[in-house]
PDB file of N, CA and C in Angstrom:
ATOM      1  N   MET A   1     173.403  47.352 114.269  1.00  0.00           N
ATOM      2  CA  MET A   1     172.237  47.006 113.506  1.00  0.00           C
ATOM      3  C   MET A   1     172.394  45.552 113.036  1.00  0.00           C
ATOM      4  N   SER A   2     171.329  44.813 113.151  1.00  0.00           N
ATOM      5  CA  SER A   2     171.405  43.397 112.794  1.00  0.00           C
ATOM      6  C   SER A   2     171.353  43.202 111.276  1.00  0.00           C
ATOM      7  N   LYS A   3     171.743  42.042 110.853  1.00  0.00           N
ATOM      8  CA  LYS A   3     171.766  41.714 109.422  1.00  0.00           C
ATOM      9  C   LYS A   3     170.350  41.747 108.844  1.00  0.00           C
ATOM     10  N   LYS A   4     169.369  41.341 109.633  1.00  0.00           N
ATOM     11  CA  LYS A   4     167.975  41.338 109.180  1.00  0.00           C
ATOM     12  C   LYS A   4     167.496  42.764 108.914  1.00  0.00           C
ATOM     13  N   ASN A   5     167.844  43.687 109.803  1.00  0.00           N
ATOM     14  CA  ASN A   5     167.444  45.089 109.626  1.00  0.00           C
ATOM     15  C   ASN A   5     168.110  45.699 108.396  1.00  0.00           C
ATOM     16  N   LYS A   6     169.391  45.375 108.172  1.00  0.00           N
ATOM     17  CA  LYS A   6     170.094  45.893 107.004  1.00  0.00           C
ATOM     18  C   LYS A   6     169.467  45.370 105.714  1.00  0.00           C
ATOM     19  N   THR A   7     169.109  44.101 105.706  1.00  0.00           N
ATOM     20  CA  THR A   7     168.473  43.514 104.530  1.00  0.00           C
ATOM     21  C   THR A   7     167.114  44.175 104.265  1.00  0.00           C
ATOM     22  N   THR A   8     166.350  44.387 105.316  1.00  0.00           N
ATOM     23  CA  THR A   8     165.046  45.028 105.169  1.00  0.00           C
ATOM     24  C   THR A   8     165.190  46.440 104.616  1.00  0.00           C
ATOM     25  N   ILE A   9     166.152  47.197 105.126  1.00  0.00           N
ATOM     26  CA  ILE A   9     166.377  48.558 104.653  1.00  0.00           C
ATOM     27  C   ILE A   9     166.802  48.556 103.186  1.00  0.00           C
ATOM     28  N   CYS A  10     167.669  47.632 102.806  1.00  0.00           N
ATOM     29  CA  CYS A  10     168.111  47.540 101.404  1.00  0.00           C
ATOM     30  C   CYS A  10     166.944  47.208 100.486  1.00  0.00           C
ATOM     31  N   ILE A  11     166.090  46.283 100.901  1.00  0.00           N
ATOM     32  CA  ILE A  11     164.931  45.918 100.085  1.00  0.00           C
ATOM     33  C   ILE A  11     163.983  47.106  99.938  1.00  0.00           C
ATOM     34  N   LEU A  12     163.734  47.829 101.032  1.00  0.00           N
ATOM     35  CA  LEU A  12     162.856  48.997 100.969  1.00  0.00           C
ATOM     36  C   LEU A  12     163.440  50.095 100.086  1.00  0.00           C
ATOM     37  N   LEU A  13     164.750  50.306 100.153  1.00  0.00           N
ATOM     38  CA  LEU A  13     165.388  51.296  99.284  1.00  0.00           C
ATOM     39  C   LEU A  13     165.294  50.889  97.819  1.00  0.00           C
ATOM     40  N   LEU A  14     165.468  49.617  97.535  1.00  0.00           N
ATOM     41  CA  LEU A  14     165.360  49.120  96.169  1.00  0.00           C
ATOM     42  C   LEU A  14     163.940  49.309  95.630  1.00  0.00           C
ATOM     43  N   ILE A  15     162.956  48.989  96.445  1.00  0.00           N
ATOM     44  CA  ILE A  15     161.556  49.189  96.041  1.00  0.00           C
ATOM     45  C   ILE A  15     161.273  50.664  95.798  1.00  0.00           C
ATOM     46  N   THR A  16     161.795  51.526  96.647  1.00  0.00           N
ATOM     47  CA  THR A  16     161.609  52.966  96.482  1.00  0.00           C
ATOM     48  C   THR A  16     162.216  53.455  95.177  1.00  0.00           C
ATOM     49  N   VAL A  17     163.416  53.022  94.883  1.00  0.00           N
ATOM     50  CA  VAL A  17     164.082  53.423  93.640  1.00  0.00           C
ATOM     51  C   VAL A  17     163.285  52.938  92.433  1.00  0.00           C
ATOM     52  N   LEU A  18     162.786  51.706  92.497  1.00  0.00           N
ATOM     53  CA  LEU A  18     161.979  51.175  91.394  1.00  0.00           C
ATOM     54  C   LEU A  18     160.683  51.955  91.211  1.00  0.00           C
ATOM     55  N   LEU A  19     160.044  52.322  92.320  1.00  0.00           N
ATOM     56  CA  LEU A  19     158.807  53.100  92.233  1.00  0.00           C
ATOM     57  C   LEU A  19     159.053  54.490  91.644  1.00  0.00           C
ATOM     58  N   ILE A  20     160.219  55.039  91.891  1.00  0.00           N
ATOM     59  CA  ILE A  20     160.544  56.358  91.348  1.00  0.00           C
ATOM     60  C   ILE A  20     160.934  56.251  89.876  1.00  0.00           C
ATOM     61  N   ALA A  21     161.696  55.219  89.520  1.00  0.00           N
ATOM     62  CA  ALA A  21     162.220  55.099  88.162  1.00  0.00           C
ATOM     63  C   ALA A  21     161.189  54.551  87.182  1.00  0.00           C
ATOM     64  N   PHE A  22     160.289  53.697  87.619  1.00  0.00           N
ATOM     65  CA  PHE A  22     159.331  53.057  86.715  1.00  0.00           C
ATOM     66  C   PHE A  22     158.506  54.055  85.909  1.00  0.00           C
ATOM     67  N   PRO A  23     157.891  55.079  86.521  1.00  0.00           N
ATOM     68  CA  PRO A  23     157.093  56.020  85.726  1.00  0.00           C
ATOM     69  C   PRO A  23     157.914  56.784  84.680  1.00  0.00           C
ATOM     70  N   LEU A  24     159.192  56.994  84.940  1.00  0.00           N
ATOM     71  CA  LEU A  24     160.017  57.711  83.967  1.00  0.00           C
ATOM     72  C   LEU A  24     160.095  56.961  82.642  1.00  0.00           C
ATOM     73  N   PHE A  25     160.103  55.645  82.689  1.00  0.00           N
ATOM     74  CA  PHE A  25     160.202  54.848  81.474  1.00  0.00           C
ATOM     75  C   PHE A  25     158.837  54.402  80.951  1.00  0.00           C
ATOM     76  N   ALA A  26     157.923  54.091  81.842  1.00  0.00           N
ATOM     77  CA  ALA A  26     156.618  53.584  81.431  1.00  0.00           C
ATOM     78  C   ALA A  26     155.736  54.681  80.840  1.00  0.00           C
ATOM     79  N   LEU A  27     155.865  55.895  81.326  1.00  0.00           N
ATOM     80  CA  LEU A  27     155.020  57.005  80.877  1.00  0.00           C
ATOM     81  C   LEU A  27     155.819  58.016  80.069  1.00  0.00           C
ATOM     82  N   LYS A  28     156.711  57.532  79.244  1.00  0.00           N
ATOM     83  CA  LYS A  28     157.644  58.406  78.532  1.00  0.00           C
ATOM     84  C   LYS A  28     156.947  59.426  77.630  1.00  0.00           C
ATOM     85  N   ASP A  29     155.955  59.005  76.858  1.00  0.00           N
ATOM     86  CA  ASP A  29     155.289  59.918  75.920  1.00  0.00           C
ATOM     87  C   ASP A  29     153.903  60.340  76.392  1.00  0.00           C
ATOM     88  N   ALA A  30     153.626  60.223  77.666  1.00  0.00           N
ATOM     89  CA  ALA A  30     152.309  60.568  78.189  1.00  0.00           C
ATOM     90  C   ALA A  30     152.142  62.085  78.239  1.00  0.00           C
ATOM     91  N   GLU A  31     150.921  62.526  78.003  1.00  0.00           N
ATOM     92  CA  GLU A  31     150.597  63.947  78.103  1.00  0.00           C
ATOM     93  C   GLU A  31     149.673  64.144  79.296  1.00  0.00           C
ATOM     94  N   PHE A  32     150.002  65.102  80.114  1.00  0.00           N
ATOM     95  CA  PHE A  32     149.199  65.382  81.283  1.00  0.00           C
ATOM     96  C   PHE A  32     148.611  66.783  81.142  1.00  0.00           C
ATOM     97  N   GLY A  33     147.346  66.916  81.461  1.00  0.00           N
ATOM     98  CA  GLY A  33     146.688  68.210  81.400  1.00  0.00           C
ATOM     99  C   GLY A  33     145.946  68.468  82.691  1.00  0.00           C
ATOM    100  N   GLY A  34     145.691  69.715  82.948  1.00  0.00           N
ATOM    101  CA  GLY A  34     144.994  70.076  84.171  1.00  0.00           C
ATOM    102  C   GLY A  34     143.492  70.056  84.006  1.00  0.00           C
ATOM    103  N   SER A  35     142.802  70.247  85.092  1.00  0.00           N
ATOM    104  CA  SER A  35     141.339  70.246  85.054  1.00  0.00           C
ATOM    105  C   SER A  35     140.808  71.468  84.306  1.00  0.00           C
ATOM    106  N   ASP A  36     141.547  72.570  84.323  1.00  0.00           N
ATOM    107  CA  ASP A  36     141.118  73.746  83.564  1.00  0.00           C
ATOM    108  C   ASP A  36     141.069  73.434  82.076  1.00  0.00           C
ATOM    109  N   ASP A  37     142.079  72.763  81.579  1.00  0.00           N
ATOM    110  CA  ASP A  37     142.106  72.391  80.171  1.00  0.00           C
ATOM    111  C   ASP A  37     140.978  71.429  79.837  1.00  0.00           C
ATOM    112  N   ALA A  38     140.764  70.451  80.698  1.00  0.00           N
ATOM    113  CA  ALA A  38     139.712  69.471  80.447  1.00  0.00           C
ATOM    114  C   ALA A  38     138.337  70.130  80.460  1.00  0.00           C
ATOM    115  N   GLY A  39     138.131  71.068  81.354  1.00  0.00           N
ATOM    116  CA  GLY A  39     136.843  71.770  81.423  1.00  0.00           C
ATOM    117  C   GLY A  39     136.575  72.606  80.193  1.00  0.00           C
ATOM    118  N   SER A  40     137.578  73.337  79.739  1.00  0.00           N
ATOM    119  CA  SER A  40     137.382  74.177  78.558  1.00  0.00           C
ATOM    120  C   SER A  40     137.171  73.324  77.305  1.00  0.00           C
ATOM    121  N   VAL A  41     137.857  72.185  77.217  1.00  0.00           N
ATOM    122  CA  VAL A  41     137.667  71.281  76.071  1.00  0.00           C
ATOM    123  C   VAL A  41     136.244  70.730  76.079  1.00  0.00           C
ATOM    124  N   MET A  42     135.748  70.345  77.240  1.00  0.00           N
ATOM    125  CA  MET A  42     134.388  69.807  77.336  1.00  0.00           C
ATOM    126  C   MET A  42     133.348  70.868  76.973  1.00  0.00           C
ATOM    127  N   VAL A  43     133.535  72.105  77.418  1.00  0.00           N
ATOM    128  CA  VAL A  43     132.605  73.180  77.074  1.00  0.00           C
ATOM    129  C   VAL A  43     132.638  73.438  75.574  1.00  0.00           C
ATOM    130  N   GLU A  44     133.815  73.409  74.965  1.00  0.00           N
ATOM    131  CA  GLU A  44     133.909  73.601  73.516  1.00  0.00           C
ATOM    132  C   GLU A  44     133.198  72.485  72.767  1.00  0.00           C
ATOM    133  N   GLU A  45     133.270  71.244  73.269  1.00  0.00           N
ATOM    134  CA  GLU A  45     132.576  70.141  72.620  1.00  0.00           C
ATOM    135  C   GLU A  45     131.066  70.313  72.699  1.00  0.00           C
ATOM    136  N   ILE A  46     130.577  70.835  73.818  1.00  0.00           N
ATOM    137  CA  ILE A  46     129.133  70.962  74.010  1.00  0.00           C
ATOM    138  C   ILE A  46     128.590  72.198  73.288  1.00  0.00           C
ATOM    139  N   GLN A  47     129.230  73.365  73.491  1.00  0.00           N
ATOM    140  CA  GLN A  47     128.695  74.610  72.956  1.00  0.00           C
ATOM    141  C   GLN A  47     129.352  75.069  71.663  1.00  0.00           C
ATOM    142  N   GLY A  48     130.479  74.555  71.324  1.00  0.00           N
ATOM    143  CA  GLY A  48     131.137  74.933  70.082  1.00  0.00           C
ATOM    144  C   GLY A  48     132.225  75.973  70.252  1.00  0.00           C
ATOM    145  N   SER A  49     132.127  76.829  71.240  1.00  0.00           N
ATOM    146  CA  SER A  49     133.187  77.813  71.480  1.00  0.00           C
ATOM    147  C   SER A  49     133.250  78.118  72.969  1.00  0.00           C
ATOM    148  N   TYR A  50     134.410  78.557  73.383  1.00  0.00           N
ATOM    149  CA  TYR A  50     134.606  78.886  74.799  1.00  0.00           C
ATOM    150  C   TYR A  50     135.448  80.131  74.884  1.00  0.00           C
ATOM    151  N   GLU A  51     134.945  81.113  75.600  1.00  0.00           N
ATOM    152  CA  GLU A  51     135.703  82.329  75.832  1.00  0.00           C
ATOM    153  C   GLU A  51     135.733  82.597  77.333  1.00  0.00           C
ATOM    154  N   PRO A  52     136.931  82.714  77.907  1.00  0.00           N
ATOM    155  CA  PRO A  52     137.017  82.947  79.359  1.00  0.00           C
ATOM    156  C   PRO A  52     136.338  84.255  79.760  1.00  0.00           C
ATOM    157  N   TRP A  53     135.818  84.294  80.961  1.00  0.00           N
ATOM    158  CA  TRP A  53     135.142  85.484  81.465  1.00  0.00           C
ATOM    159  C   TRP A  53     136.116  86.592  81.823  1.00  0.00           C
ATOM    160  N   PHE A  54     137.298  86.218  82.247  1.00  0.00           N
ATOM    161  CA  PHE A  54     138.292  87.209  82.667  1.00  0.00           C
ATOM    162  C   PHE A  54     139.680  86.649  82.434  1.00  0.00           C
ATOM    163  N   THR A  55     140.678  87.525  82.521  1.00  0.00           N
ATOM    164  CA  THR A  55     142.064  87.073  82.426  1.00  0.00           C
ATOM    165  C   THR A  55     142.661  87.059  83.827  1.00  0.00           C
ATOM    166  N   PRO A  56     143.548  86.117  84.111  1.00  0.00           N
ATOM    167  CA  PRO A  56     144.167  86.076  85.436  1.00  0.00           C
ATOM    168  C   PRO A  56     144.898  87.379  85.756  1.00  0.00           C
ATOM    169  N   VAL A  57     144.914  87.723  87.025  1.00  0.00           N
ATOM    170  CA  VAL A  57     145.478  89.001  87.473  1.00  0.00           C
ATOM    171  C   VAL A  57     146.946  89.125  87.077  1.00  0.00           C
ATOM    172  N   PHE A  58     147.741  88.097  87.350  1.00  0.00           N
ATOM    173  CA  PHE A  58     149.170  88.188  87.057  1.00  0.00           C
ATOM    174  C   PHE A  58     149.439  88.246  85.558  1.00  0.00           C
ATOM    175  N   GLU A  59     148.626  87.535  84.770  1.00  0.00           N
ATOM    176  CA  GLU A  59     148.836  87.573  83.329  1.00  0.00           C
ATOM    177  C   GLU A  59     148.506  88.939  82.757  1.00  0.00           C
ATOM    178  N   SER A  60     147.448  89.567  83.245  1.00  0.00           N
ATOM    179  CA  SER A  60     147.112  90.898  82.737  1.00  0.00           C
ATOM    180  C   SER A  60     148.122  91.936  83.235  1.00  0.00           C
ATOM    181  N   PHE A  61     148.661  91.726  84.436  1.00  0.00           N
ATOM    182  CA  PHE A  61     149.642  92.656  84.993  1.00  0.00           C
ATOM    183  C   PHE A  61     150.968  92.574  84.239  1.00  0.00           C
ATOM    184  N   LEU A  62     151.389  91.342  83.906  1.00  0.00           N
ATOM    185  CA  LEU A  62     152.664  91.145  83.225  1.00  0.00           C
ATOM    186  C   LEU A  62     152.553  91.254  81.715  1.00  0.00           C
ATOM    187  N   GLY A  63     151.338  91.202  81.186  1.00  0.00           N
ATOM    188  CA  GLY A  63     151.153  91.342  79.751  1.00  0.00           C
ATOM    189  C   GLY A  63     151.361  90.064  78.970  1.00  0.00           C
ATOM    190  N   GLY A  64     151.279  88.908  79.593  1.00  0.00           N
ATOM    191  CA  GLY A  64     151.437  87.639  78.888  1.00  0.00           C
ATOM    192  C   GLY A  64     151.317  86.472  79.843  1.00  0.00           C
ATOM    193  N   ASP A  65     151.524  85.292  79.306  1.00  0.00           N
ATOM    194  CA  ASP A  65     151.445  84.087  80.128  1.00  0.00           C
ATOM    195  C   ASP A  65     152.593  84.029  81.125  1.00  0.00           C
ATOM    196  N   LEU A  66     152.285  83.464  82.287  1.00  0.00           N
ATOM    197  CA  LEU A  66     153.316  83.249  83.296  1.00  0.00           C
ATOM    198  C   LEU A  66     154.155  82.039  82.918  1.00  0.00           C
ATOM    199  N   PRO A  67     155.447  82.086  83.186  1.00  0.00           N
ATOM    200  CA  PRO A  67     156.255  80.874  82.980  1.00  0.00           C
ATOM    201  C   PRO A  67     155.791  79.760  83.917  1.00  0.00           C
ATOM    202  N   GLY A  68     156.010  78.518  83.509  1.00  0.00           N
ATOM    203  CA  GLY A  68     155.574  77.372  84.294  1.00  0.00           C
ATOM    204  C   GLY A  68     156.162  77.346  85.692  1.00  0.00           C
ATOM    205  N   GLU A  69     157.399  77.816  85.827  1.00  0.00           N
ATOM    206  CA  GLU A  69     158.039  77.809  87.146  1.00  0.00           C
ATOM    207  C   GLU A  69     157.335  78.761  88.103  1.00  0.00           C
ATOM    208  N   ILE A  70     156.911  79.903  87.588  1.00  0.00           N
ATOM    209  CA  ILE A  70     156.218  80.885  88.439  1.00  0.00           C
ATOM    210  C   ILE A  70     154.843  80.349  88.825  1.00  0.00           C
ATOM    211  N   GLU A  71     154.152  79.713  87.880  1.00  0.00           N
ATOM    212  CA  GLU A  71     152.858  79.117  88.216  1.00  0.00           C
ATOM    213  C   GLU A  71     153.014  78.064  89.296  1.00  0.00           C
ATOM    214  N   SER A  72     154.039  77.234  89.182  1.00  0.00           N
ATOM    215  CA  SER A  72     154.282  76.202  90.196  1.00  0.00           C
ATOM    216  C   SER A  72     154.613  76.834  91.545  1.00  0.00           C
ATOM    217  N   LEU A  73     155.416  77.896  91.517  1.00  0.00           N
ATOM    218  CA  LEU A  73     155.764  78.591  92.751  1.00  0.00           C
ATOM    219  C   LEU A  73     154.527  79.153  93.429  1.00  0.00           C
ATOM    220  N   LEU A  74     153.659  79.804  92.672  1.00  0.00           N
ATOM    221  CA  LEU A  74     152.445  80.378  93.252  1.00  0.00           C
ATOM    222  C   LEU A  74     151.521  79.284  93.780  1.00  0.00           C
ATOM    223  N   PHE A  75     151.433  78.181  93.063  1.00  0.00           N
ATOM    224  CA  PHE A  75     150.606  77.067  93.528  1.00  0.00           C
ATOM    225  C   PHE A  75     151.146  76.494  94.834  1.00  0.00           C
ATOM    226  N   CYS A  76     152.456  76.306  94.911  1.00  0.00           N
ATOM    227  CA  CYS A  76     153.073  75.786  96.142  1.00  0.00           C
ATOM    228  C   CYS A  76     152.920  76.768  97.294  1.00  0.00           C
ATOM    229  N   LEU A  77     153.045  78.049  97.015  1.00  0.00           N
ATOM    230  CA  LEU A  77     152.865  79.067  98.047  1.00  0.00           C
ATOM    231  C   LEU A  77     151.437  79.043  98.575  1.00  0.00           C
ATOM    232  N   GLN A  78     150.467  78.936  97.665  1.00  0.00           N
ATOM    233  CA  GLN A  78     149.068  78.859  98.061  1.00  0.00           C
ATOM    234  C   GLN A  78     148.820  77.610  98.900  1.00  0.00           C
ATOM    235  N   THR A  79     149.397  76.504  98.507  1.00  0.00           N
ATOM    236  CA  THR A  79     149.252  75.263  99.266  1.00  0.00           C
ATOM    237  C   THR A  79     149.859  75.393 100.653  1.00  0.00           C
ATOM    238  N   GLY A  80     151.048  75.981 100.732  1.00  0.00           N
ATOM    239  CA  GLY A  80     151.706  76.163 102.023  1.00  0.00           C
ATOM    240  C   GLY A  80     150.903  77.041 102.969  1.00  0.00           C
ATOM    241  N   ILE A  81     150.346  78.106 102.440  1.00  0.00           N
ATOM    242  CA  ILE A  81     149.525  78.993 103.275  1.00  0.00           C
ATOM    243  C   ILE A  81     148.286  78.252 103.769  1.00  0.00           C
ATOM    244  N   GLY A  82     147.644  77.495 102.888  1.00  0.00           N
ATOM    245  CA  GLY A  82     146.459  76.738 103.283  1.00  0.00           C
ATOM    246  C   GLY A  82     146.759  75.692 104.342  1.00  0.00           C
ATOM    247  N   VAL A  83     147.858  74.979 104.166  1.00  0.00           N
ATOM    248  CA  VAL A  83     148.245  73.970 105.161  1.00  0.00           C
ATOM    249  C   VAL A  83     148.588  74.639 106.487  1.00  0.00           C
ATOM    250  N   GLY A  84     149.252  75.784 106.446  1.00  0.00           N
ATOM    251  CA  GLY A  84     149.585  76.503 107.674  1.00  0.00           C
ATOM    252  C   GLY A  84     148.342  76.921 108.439  1.00  0.00           C
ATOM    253  N   ILE A  85     147.348  77.438 107.721  1.00  0.00           N
ATOM    254  CA  ILE A  85     146.099  77.857 108.365  1.00  0.00           C
ATOM    255  C   ILE A  85     145.374  76.648 108.947  1.00  0.00           C
ATOM    256  N   LEU A  86     145.315  75.564 108.171  1.00  0.00           N
ATOM    257  CA  LEU A  86     144.651  74.352 108.644  1.00  0.00           C
ATOM    258  C   LEU A  86     145.341  73.783 109.882  1.00  0.00           C
ATOM    259  N   ALA A  87     146.664  73.722 109.867  1.00  0.00           N
ATOM    260  CA  ALA A  87     147.412  73.197 111.018  1.00  0.00           C
ATOM    261  C   ALA A  87     147.230  74.096 112.235  1.00  0.00           C
ATOM    262  N   PHE A  88     147.210  75.402 112.034  1.00  0.00           N
ATOM    263  CA  PHE A  88     146.998  76.329 113.152  1.00  0.00           C
ATOM    264  C   PHE A  88     145.635  76.098 113.789  1.00  0.00           C
ATOM    265  N   CYS A  89     144.594  75.980 112.945  1.00  0.00           N
ATOM    266  CA  CYS A  89     143.243  75.773 113.477  1.00  0.00           C
ATOM    267  C   CYS A  89     143.134  74.439 114.211  1.00  0.00           C
ATOM    268  N   MET A  90     143.726  73.398 113.646  1.00  0.00           N
ATOM    269  CA  MET A  90     143.686  72.106 114.316  1.00  0.00           C
ATOM    270  C   MET A  90     144.428  72.164 115.651  1.00  0.00           C
ATOM    271  N   GLY A  91     145.551  72.847 115.693  1.00  0.00           N
ATOM    272  CA  GLY A  91     146.290  73.007 116.943  1.00  0.00           C
ATOM    273  C   GLY A  91     145.484  73.757 117.986  1.00  0.00           C
ATOM    274  N   ARG A  92     144.761  74.783 117.547  1.00  0.00           N
ATOM    275  CA  ARG A  92     143.923  75.535 118.484  1.00  0.00           C
ATOM    276  C   ARG A  92     142.815  74.658 119.072  1.00  0.00           C
ATOM    277  N   PHE A  93     142.209  73.804 118.223  1.00  0.00           N
ATOM    278  CA  PHE A  93     141.168  72.908 118.719  1.00  0.00           C
ATOM    279  C   PHE A  93     141.724  71.926 119.742  1.00  0.00           C
ATOM    280  N   VAL A  94     142.910  71.403 119.489  1.00  0.00           N
ATOM    281  CA  VAL A  94     143.531  70.466 120.423  1.00  0.00           C
ATOM    282  C   VAL A  94     143.833  71.174 121.744  1.00  0.00           C
ATOM    283  N   GLU A  95     144.390  72.363 121.669  1.00  0.00           N
ATOM    284  CA  GLU A  95     144.700  73.116 122.896  1.00  0.00           C
ATOM    285  C   GLU A  95     143.431  73.476 123.658  1.00  0.00           C
ATOM    286  N   ARG A  96     142.379  73.846 122.939  1.00  0.00           N
ATOM    287  CA  ARG A  96     141.127  74.192 123.605  1.00  0.00           C
ATOM    288  C   ARG A  96     140.593  72.983 124.369  1.00  0.00           C
ATOM    289  N   LYS A  97     140.678  71.805 123.748  1.00  0.00           N
ATOM    290  CA  LYS A  97     140.205  70.594 124.422  1.00  0.00           C
ATOM    291  C   LYS A  97     141.046  70.299 125.659  1.00  0.00           C
ATOM    292  N   LYS A  98     142.364  70.507 125.580  1.00  0.00           N
ATOM    293  CA  LYS A  98     143.233  70.280 126.741  1.00  0.00           C
ATOM    294  C   LYS A  98     142.878  71.223 127.884  1.00  0.00           C
ATOM    295  N   TRP A  99     142.615  72.496 127.569  1.00  0.00           N
ATOM    296  CA  TRP A  99     142.278  73.458 128.610  1.00  0.00           C
ATOM    297  C   TRP A  99     140.912  73.165 129.219  1.00  0.00           C
ATOM    298  N   LYS A 100     139.964  72.700 128.409  1.00  0.00           N
ATOM    299  CA  LYS A 100     138.648  72.351 128.954  1.00  0.00           C
ATOM    300  C   LYS A 100     138.734  71.126 129.850  1.00  0.00           C
ATOM    301  N   ASP A 101     139.595  70.165 129.503  1.00  0.00           N
ATOM    302  CA  ASP A 101     139.742  68.960 130.318  1.00  0.00           C
ATOM    303  C   ASP A 101     140.385  69.272 131.665  1.00  0.00           C
ATOM    304  N   LYS A 102     141.239  70.299 131.727  1.00  0.00           N
ATOM    305  CA  LYS A 102     141.896  70.669 132.991  1.00  0.00           C
ATOM    306  C   LYS A 102     140.927  71.345 133.958  1.00  0.00           C
ATOM    307  N   SER A 103     139.969  72.070 133.437  1.00  0.00           N
ATOM    308  CA  SER A 103     139.075  72.809 134.339  1.00  0.00           C
ATOM    309  C   SER A 103     137.807  72.074 134.653  1.00  0.00           C
TER     310      SER A 103
END
């Protein structure tokens, strides 16, 4: 590997580390909320009170709020399933086009 390539890789690694570390210090006391929270707050501002129509299935089954780790796990699982279905469908379209081009 040439000296130029090594220098480029070192610079890119340094930039990557800075991009990862910067938010840890710059956003130290920031609060992040989801769209569900923002929606319920907005409805409360407009109508004065907000009562959910139903309770989530897992919360009613377990008798309380889900831990954050379980919520993240379920969200990631849902995302993985969706990406898998999307990738499968896209692959089928590509294969269909290849088979049509052959005949």
